[in-house]
Amino acid sequence: MLTTLDQIQPGGSCRIAKVTYADLLGARLMNMGVYPGSMLRVVRNAPLRDPMEVEVNDIYLSLRREEARFIEVICA
């Protein structure tokens, strides 16, 4: 099932299908391992649901939901 990362609940795991960032943020995410084919897990949400913490390649990242909308994922 193809969806965006901001829709995944804490504890959910998925594979990155597409990253649509084209600016400096996209390059920075790619350098941290956020690229198509990588597995990621949503660890938790902040109390007001923004930002969200994700684990990619043993790296923990905090992403704003508006940034997570540009990452398409496939859930198992």
PDB file of N, CA and C in Angstrom:
ATOM      1  N   MET A   1       0.849  -1.175   0.000  1.00  0.00           N
ATOM      2  CA  MET A   1       0.000   0.000   0.000  1.00  0.00           C
ATOM      3  C   MET A   1       0.897   1.243   0.000  1.00  0.00           C
ATOM      4  N   LEU A   2       0.760   2.097  -0.990  1.00  0.00           N
ATOM      5  CA  LEU A   2       1.562   3.312  -1.129  1.00  0.00           C
ATOM      6  C   LEU A   2       0.880   4.466  -0.399  1.00  0.00           C
ATOM      7  N   THR A   3       1.623   5.128   0.471  1.00  0.00           N
ATOM      8  CA  THR A   3       1.112   6.267   1.233  1.00  0.00           C
ATOM      9  C   THR A   3       2.278   7.208   1.525  1.00  0.00           C
ATOM     10  N   THR A   4       2.030   8.275   2.259  1.00  0.00           N
ATOM     11  CA  THR A   4       3.100   9.200   2.627  1.00  0.00           C
ATOM     12  C   THR A   4       3.500   8.954   4.076  1.00  0.00           C
ATOM     13  N   LEU A   5       4.721   9.301   4.399  1.00  0.00           N
ATOM     14  CA  LEU A   5       5.271   9.017   5.723  1.00  0.00           C
ATOM     15  C   LEU A   5       4.477   9.668   6.851  1.00  0.00           C
ATOM     16  N   ASP A   6       3.895  10.827   6.627  1.00  0.00           N
ATOM     17  CA  ASP A   6       3.145  11.496   7.692  1.00  0.00           C
ATOM     18  C   ASP A   6       1.899  10.717   8.124  1.00  0.00           C
ATOM     19  N   GLN A   7       1.467   9.731   7.342  1.00  0.00           N
ATOM     20  CA  GLN A   7       0.285   8.930   7.665  1.00  0.00           C
ATOM     21  C   GLN A   7       0.602   7.689   8.499  1.00  0.00           C
ATOM     22  N   ILE A   8       1.884   7.374   8.690  1.00  0.00           N
ATOM     23  CA  ILE A   8       2.285   6.166   9.405  1.00  0.00           C
ATOM     24  C   ILE A   8       2.270   6.418  10.908  1.00  0.00           C
ATOM     25  N   GLN A   9       1.697   5.486  11.644  1.00  0.00           N
ATOM     26  CA  GLN A   9       1.589   5.591  13.092  1.00  0.00           C
ATOM     27  C   GLN A   9       2.870   5.102  13.770  1.00  0.00           C
ATOM     28  N   PRO A  10       3.151   5.558  14.995  1.00  0.00           N
ATOM     29  CA  PRO A  10       4.322   5.071  15.732  1.00  0.00           C
ATOM     30  C   PRO A  10       4.331   3.544  15.828  1.00  0.00           C
ATOM     31  N   GLY A  11       5.509   2.973  15.626  1.00  0.00           N
ATOM     32  CA  GLY A  11       5.666   1.522  15.624  1.00  0.00           C
ATOM     33  C   GLY A  11       5.577   0.928  14.237  1.00  0.00           C
ATOM     34  N   GLY A  12       5.076   1.707  13.275  1.00  0.00           N
ATOM     35  CA  GLY A  12       4.934   1.218  11.911  1.00  0.00           C
ATOM     36  C   GLY A  12       6.261   1.222  11.162  1.00  0.00           C
ATOM     37  N   SER A  13       6.473   0.188  10.354  1.00  0.00           N
ATOM     38  CA  SER A  13       7.667   0.090   9.519  1.00  0.00           C
ATOM     39  C   SER A  13       7.255   0.086   8.059  1.00  0.00           C
ATOM     40  N   CYS A  14       8.110   0.636   7.218  1.00  0.00           N
ATOM     41  CA  CYS A  14       7.816   0.686   5.795  1.00  0.00           C
ATOM     42  C   CYS A  14       9.106   0.888   4.996  1.00  0.00           C
ATOM     43  N   ARG A  15       8.986   0.780   3.691  1.00  0.00           N
ATOM     44  CA  ARG A  15      10.111   0.983   2.784  1.00  0.00           C
ATOM     45  C   ARG A  15       9.861   2.268   2.002  1.00  0.00           C
ATOM     46  N   ILE A  16      10.898   3.070   1.835  1.00  0.00           N
ATOM     47  CA  ILE A  16      10.773   4.333   1.104  1.00  0.00           C
ATOM     48  C   ILE A  16      10.652   4.035  -0.383  1.00  0.00           C
ATOM     49  N   ALA A  17       9.605   4.559  -1.019  1.00  0.00           N
ATOM     50  CA  ALA A  17       9.386   4.358  -2.443  1.00  0.00           C
ATOM     51  C   ALA A  17       9.892   5.547  -3.257  1.00  0.00           C
ATOM     52  N   LYS A  18       9.686   6.761  -2.733  1.00  0.00           N
ATOM     53  CA  LYS A  18      10.036   7.953  -3.499  1.00  0.00           C
ATOM     54  C   LYS A  18      10.235   9.133  -2.552  1.00  0.00           C
ATOM     55  N   VAL A  19      11.260   9.932  -2.819  1.00  0.00           N
ATOM     56  CA  VAL A  19      11.512  11.168  -2.079  1.00  0.00           C
ATOM     57  C   VAL A  19      11.433  12.298  -3.089  1.00  0.00           C
ATOM     58  N   THR A  20      10.542  13.259  -2.870  1.00  0.00           N
ATOM     59  CA  THR A  20      10.319  14.298  -3.873  1.00  0.00           C
ATOM     60  C   THR A  20      10.943  15.639  -3.520  1.00  0.00           C
ATOM     61  N   TYR A  21      11.830  15.692  -2.525  1.00  0.00           N
ATOM     62  CA  TYR A  21      12.534  16.936  -2.224  1.00  0.00           C
ATOM     63  C   TYR A  21      13.541  17.219  -3.322  1.00  0.00           C
ATOM     64  N   ALA A  22      13.636  18.466  -3.732  1.00  0.00           N
ATOM     65  CA  ALA A  22      14.591  18.827  -4.780  1.00  0.00           C
ATOM     66  C   ALA A  22      15.571  19.897  -4.312  1.00  0.00           C
ATOM     67  N   ASP A  23      15.440  20.343  -3.094  1.00  0.00           N
ATOM     68  CA  ASP A  23      16.285  21.433  -2.613  1.00  0.00           C
ATOM     69  C   ASP A  23      17.355  20.921  -1.647  1.00  0.00           C
ATOM     70  N   LEU A  24      17.909  21.796  -0.859  1.00  0.00           N
ATOM     71  CA  LEU A  24      18.963  21.441   0.084  1.00  0.00           C
ATOM     72  C   LEU A  24      18.490  20.418   1.110  1.00  0.00           C
ATOM     73  N   LEU A  25      17.245  20.503   1.556  1.00  0.00           N
ATOM     74  CA  LEU A  25      16.717  19.538   2.510  1.00  0.00           C
ATOM     75  C   LEU A  25      16.727  18.137   1.913  1.00  0.00           C
ATOM     76  N   GLY A  26      16.356  18.002   0.667  1.00  0.00           N
ATOM     77  CA  GLY A  26      16.378  16.703   0.003  1.00  0.00           C
ATOM     78  C   GLY A  26      17.767  16.110  -0.038  1.00  0.00           C
ATOM     79  N   ALA A  27      18.758  16.924  -0.345  1.00  0.00           N
ATOM     80  CA  ALA A  27      20.142  16.452  -0.375  1.00  0.00           C
ATOM     81  C   ALA A  27      20.593  16.024   1.021  1.00  0.00           C
ATOM     82  N   ARG A  28      20.210  16.779   2.030  1.00  0.00           N
ATOM     83  CA  ARG A  28      20.590  16.447   3.399  1.00  0.00           C
ATOM     84  C   ARG A  28      19.938  15.133   3.833  1.00  0.00           C
ATOM     85  N   LEU A  29      18.664  14.940   3.496  1.00  0.00           N
ATOM     86  CA  LEU A  29      17.990  13.692   3.842  1.00  0.00           C
ATOM     87  C   LEU A  29      18.635  12.502   3.131  1.00  0.00           C
ATOM     88  N   MET A  30      18.996  12.680   1.874  1.00  0.00           N
ATOM     89  CA  MET A  30      19.651  11.601   1.126  1.00  0.00           C
ATOM     90  C   MET A  30      20.980  11.241   1.788  1.00  0.00           C
ATOM     91  N   ASN A  31      21.724  12.227   2.257  1.00  0.00           N
ATOM     92  CA  ASN A  31      22.999  11.958   2.927  1.00  0.00           C
ATOM     93  C   ASN A  31      22.813  11.199   4.235  1.00  0.00           C
ATOM     94  N   MET A  32      21.648  11.335   4.867  1.00  0.00           N
ATOM     95  CA  MET A  32      21.369  10.638   6.122  1.00  0.00           C
ATOM     96  C   MET A  32      20.725   9.278   5.888  1.00  0.00           C
ATOM     97  N   GLY A  33      20.571   8.862   4.632  1.00  0.00           N
ATOM     98  CA  GLY A  33      20.042   7.535   4.336  1.00  0.00           C
ATOM     99  C   GLY A  33      18.581   7.494   3.965  1.00  0.00           C
ATOM    100  N   VAL A  34      17.944   8.646   3.819  1.00  0.00           N
ATOM    101  CA  VAL A  34      16.540   8.693   3.418  1.00  0.00           C
ATOM    102  C   VAL A  34      16.501   8.709   1.889  1.00  0.00           C
ATOM    103  N   TYR A  35      16.474   7.511   1.296  1.00  0.00           N
ATOM    104  CA  TYR A  35      16.437   7.386  -0.157  1.00  0.00           C
ATOM    105  C   TYR A  35      15.617   6.151  -0.510  1.00  0.00           C
ATOM    106  N   PRO A  36      15.105   6.089  -1.727  1.00  0.00           N
ATOM    107  CA  PRO A  36      14.258   4.958  -2.120  1.00  0.00           C
ATOM    108  C   PRO A  36      14.942   3.615  -1.870  1.00  0.00           C
ATOM    109  N   GLY A  37      14.177   2.689  -1.312  1.00  0.00           N
ATOM    110  CA  GLY A  37      14.667   1.357  -1.011  1.00  0.00           C
ATOM    111  C   GLY A  37      15.034   1.159   0.444  1.00  0.00           C
ATOM    112  N   SER A  38      15.250   2.240   1.186  1.00  0.00           N
ATOM    113  CA  SER A  38      15.613   2.140   2.604  1.00  0.00           C
ATOM    114  C   SER A  38      14.394   1.787   3.442  1.00  0.00           C
ATOM    115  N   MET A  39      14.625   0.989   4.475  1.00  0.00           N
ATOM    116  CA  MET A  39      13.577   0.680   5.439  1.00  0.00           C
ATOM    117  C   MET A  39      13.599   1.743   6.528  1.00  0.00           C
ATOM    118  N   LEU A  40      12.420   2.105   7.018  1.00  0.00           N
ATOM    119  CA  LEU A  40      12.349   3.039   8.137  1.00  0.00           C
ATOM    120  C   LEU A  40      11.251   2.628   9.086  1.00  0.00           C
ATOM    121  N   ARG A  41      11.359   3.134  10.293  1.00  0.00           N
ATOM    122  CA  ARG A  41      10.376   2.849  11.341  1.00  0.00           C
ATOM    123  C   ARG A  41      10.021   4.156  12.021  1.00  0.00           C
ATOM    124  N   VAL A  42       8.733   4.380  12.222  1.00  0.00           N
ATOM    125  CA  VAL A  42       8.285   5.553  12.969  1.00  0.00           C
ATOM    126  C   VAL A  42       8.389   5.204  14.444  1.00  0.00           C
ATOM    127  N   VAL A  43       9.213   5.947  15.167  1.00  0.00           N
ATOM    128  CA  VAL A  43       9.463   5.656  16.577  1.00  0.00           C
ATOM    129  C   VAL A  43       8.380   6.270  17.456  1.00  0.00           C
ATOM    130  N   ARG A  44       8.147   7.576  17.298  1.00  0.00           N
ATOM    131  CA  ARG A  44       7.132   8.251  18.116  1.00  0.00           C
ATOM    132  C   ARG A  44       6.801   9.615  17.527  1.00  0.00           C
ATOM    133  N   ASN A  45       5.706  10.167  18.040  1.00  0.00           N
ATOM    134  CA  ASN A  45       5.286  11.521  17.695  1.00  0.00           C
ATOM    135  C   ASN A  45       5.492  12.417  18.912  1.00  0.00           C
ATOM    136  N   ALA A  46       5.726  13.676  18.682  1.00  0.00           N
ATOM    137  CA  ALA A  46       5.773  14.649  19.763  1.00  0.00           C
ATOM    138  C   ALA A  46       4.356  14.781  20.342  1.00  0.00           C
ATOM    139  N   PRO A  47       4.205  15.356  21.528  1.00  0.00           N
ATOM    140  CA  PRO A  47       2.876  15.452  22.148  1.00  0.00           C
ATOM    141  C   PRO A  47       1.796  16.069  21.250  1.00  0.00           C
ATOM    142  N   LEU A  48       2.142  17.023  20.429  1.00  0.00           N
ATOM    143  CA  LEU A  48       1.156  17.613  19.525  1.00  0.00           C
ATOM    144  C   LEU A  48       1.280  17.053  18.111  1.00  0.00           C
ATOM    145  N   ARG A  49       1.899  15.864  17.987  1.00  0.00           N
ATOM    146  CA  ARG A  49       2.073  15.113  16.743  1.00  0.00           C
ATOM    147  C   ARG A  49       3.107  15.708  15.788  1.00  0.00           C
ATOM    148  N   ASP A  50       3.765  16.770  16.134  1.00  0.00           N
ATOM    149  CA  ASP A  50       4.751  17.359  15.232  1.00  0.00           C
ATOM    150  C   ASP A  50       5.925  17.858  16.056  1.00  0.00           C
ATOM    151  N   PRO A  51       7.142  17.433  15.842  1.00  0.00           N
ATOM    152  CA  PRO A  51       7.602  16.566  14.762  1.00  0.00           C
ATOM    153  C   PRO A  51       7.443  15.087  15.111  1.00  0.00           C
ATOM    154  N   MET A  52       7.829  14.248  14.167  1.00  0.00           N
ATOM    155  CA  MET A  52       7.812  12.808  14.374  1.00  0.00           C
ATOM    156  C   MET A  52       9.248  12.297  14.329  1.00  0.00           C
ATOM    157  N   GLU A  53       9.520  11.264  15.110  1.00  0.00           N
ATOM    158  CA  GLU A  53      10.860  10.676  15.128  1.00  0.00           C
ATOM    159  C   GLU A  53      10.831   9.388  14.323  1.00  0.00           C
ATOM    160  N   VAL A  54      11.780   9.239  13.400  1.00  0.00           N
ATOM    161  CA  VAL A  54      11.881   8.034  12.586  1.00  0.00           C
ATOM    162  C   VAL A  54      13.293   7.463  12.698  1.00  0.00           C
ATOM    163  N   GLU A  55      13.402   6.162  12.477  1.00  0.00           N
ATOM    164  CA  GLU A  55      14.697   5.485  12.471  1.00  0.00           C
ATOM    165  C   GLU A  55      14.959   4.975  11.062  1.00  0.00           C
ATOM    166  N   VAL A  56      16.093   5.396  10.491  1.00  0.00           N
ATOM    167  CA  VAL A  56      16.513   4.958   9.159  1.00  0.00           C
ATOM    168  C   VAL A  56      17.982   4.566   9.256  1.00  0.00           C
ATOM    169  N   ASN A  57      18.300   3.319   8.913  1.00  0.00           N
ATOM    170  CA  ASN A  57      19.691   2.849   8.936  1.00  0.00           C
ATOM    171  C   ASN A  57      20.366   3.127  10.276  1.00  0.00           C
ATOM    172  N   ASP A  58      19.693   2.820  11.372  1.00  0.00           N
ATOM    173  CA  ASP A  58      20.207   3.028  12.735  1.00  0.00           C
ATOM    174  C   ASP A  58      20.458   4.488  13.082  1.00  0.00           C
ATOM    175  N   ILE A  59      19.860   5.398  12.350  1.00  0.00           N
ATOM    176  CA  ILE A  59      19.945   6.830  12.619  1.00  0.00           C
ATOM    177  C   ILE A  59      18.544   7.312  12.988  1.00  0.00           C
ATOM    178  N   TYR A  60      18.442   8.073  14.060  1.00  0.00           N
ATOM    179  CA  TYR A  60      17.158   8.618  14.494  1.00  0.00           C
ATOM    180  C   TYR A  60      17.056  10.057  14.007  1.00  0.00           C
ATOM    181  N   LEU A  61      15.971  10.357  13.289  1.00  0.00           N
ATOM    182  CA  LEU A  61      15.742  11.685  12.734  1.00  0.00           C
ATOM    183  C   LEU A  61      14.404  12.220  13.217  1.00  0.00           C
ATOM    184  N   SER A  62      14.332  13.526  13.396  1.00  0.00           N
ATOM    185  CA  SER A  62      13.057  14.185  13.668  1.00  0.00           C
ATOM    186  C   SER A  62      12.661  14.937  12.420  1.00  0.00           C
ATOM    187  N   LEU A  63      11.458  14.668  11.944  1.00  0.00           N
ATOM    188  CA  LEU A  63      10.942  15.307  10.734  1.00  0.00           C
ATOM    189  C   LEU A  63       9.634  16.003  11.034  1.00  0.00           C
ATOM    190  N   ARG A  64       9.458  17.176  10.465  1.00  0.00           N
ATOM    191  CA  ARG A  64       8.159  17.838  10.543  1.00  0.00           C
ATOM    192  C   ARG A  64       7.189  17.076   9.650  1.00  0.00           C
ATOM    193  N   ARG A  65       5.937  17.114   9.997  1.00  0.00           N
ATOM    194  CA  ARG A  65       4.932  16.421   9.174  1.00  0.00           C
ATOM    195  C   ARG A  65       4.878  16.993   7.762  1.00  0.00           C
ATOM    196  N   GLU A  66       5.089  18.300   7.619  1.00  0.00           N
ATOM    197  CA  GLU A  66       5.075  18.886   6.272  1.00  0.00           C
ATOM    198  C   GLU A  66       6.224  18.346   5.433  1.00  0.00           C
ATOM    199  N   GLU A  67       7.353  17.984   6.050  1.00  0.00           N
ATOM    200  CA  GLU A  67       8.469  17.369   5.334  1.00  0.00           C
ATOM    201  C   GLU A  67       8.172  15.902   5.033  1.00  0.00           C
ATOM    202  N   ALA A  68       7.543  15.218   5.974  1.00  0.00           N
ATOM    203  CA  ALA A  68       7.234  13.796   5.810  1.00  0.00           C
ATOM    204  C   ALA A  68       6.221  13.555   4.697  1.00  0.00           C
ATOM    205  N   ARG A  69       5.432  14.556   4.348  1.00  0.00           N
ATOM    206  CA  ARG A  69       4.444  14.408   3.266  1.00  0.00           C
ATOM    207  C   ARG A  69       5.091  14.186   1.904  1.00  0.00           C
ATOM    208  N   PHE A  70       6.354  14.564   1.778  1.00  0.00           N
ATOM    209  CA  PHE A  70       7.043  14.424   0.506  1.00  0.00           C
ATOM    210  C   PHE A  70       7.798  13.105   0.380  1.00  0.00           C
ATOM    211  N   ILE A  71       7.658  12.231   1.367  1.00  0.00           N
ATOM    212  CA  ILE A  71       8.314  10.928   1.341  1.00  0.00           C
ATOM    213  C   ILE A  71       7.214   9.877   1.177  1.00  0.00           C
ATOM    214  N   GLU A  72       7.191   9.220   0.011  1.00  0.00           N
ATOM    215  CA  GLU A  72       6.208   8.171  -0.242  1.00  0.00           C
ATOM    216  C   GLU A  72       6.790   6.840   0.209  1.00  0.00           C
ATOM    217  N   VAL A  73       5.959   6.054   0.897  1.00  0.00           N
ATOM    218  CA  VAL A  73       6.417   4.791   1.460  1.00  0.00           C
ATOM    219  C   VAL A  73       5.463   3.657   1.091  1.00  0.00           C
ATOM    220  N   ILE A  74       6.007   2.440   1.150  1.00  0.00           N
ATOM    221  CA  ILE A  74       5.227   1.226   0.939  1.00  0.00           C
ATOM    222  C   ILE A  74       5.223   0.472   2.252  1.00  0.00           C
ATOM    223  N   CYS A  75       4.036   0.228   2.790  1.00  0.00           N
ATOM    224  CA  CYS A  75       3.913  -0.490   4.060  1.00  0.00           C
ATOM    225  C   CYS A  75       3.639  -1.964   3.799  1.00  0.00           C
ATOM    226  N   ALA A  76       4.185  -2.796   4.674  1.00  0.00           N
ATOM    227  CA  ALA A  76       3.989  -4.242   4.525  1.00  0.00           C
ATOM    228  C   ALA A  76       2.660  -4.692   5.099  1.00  0.00           C
TER     229      ALA A  76
END
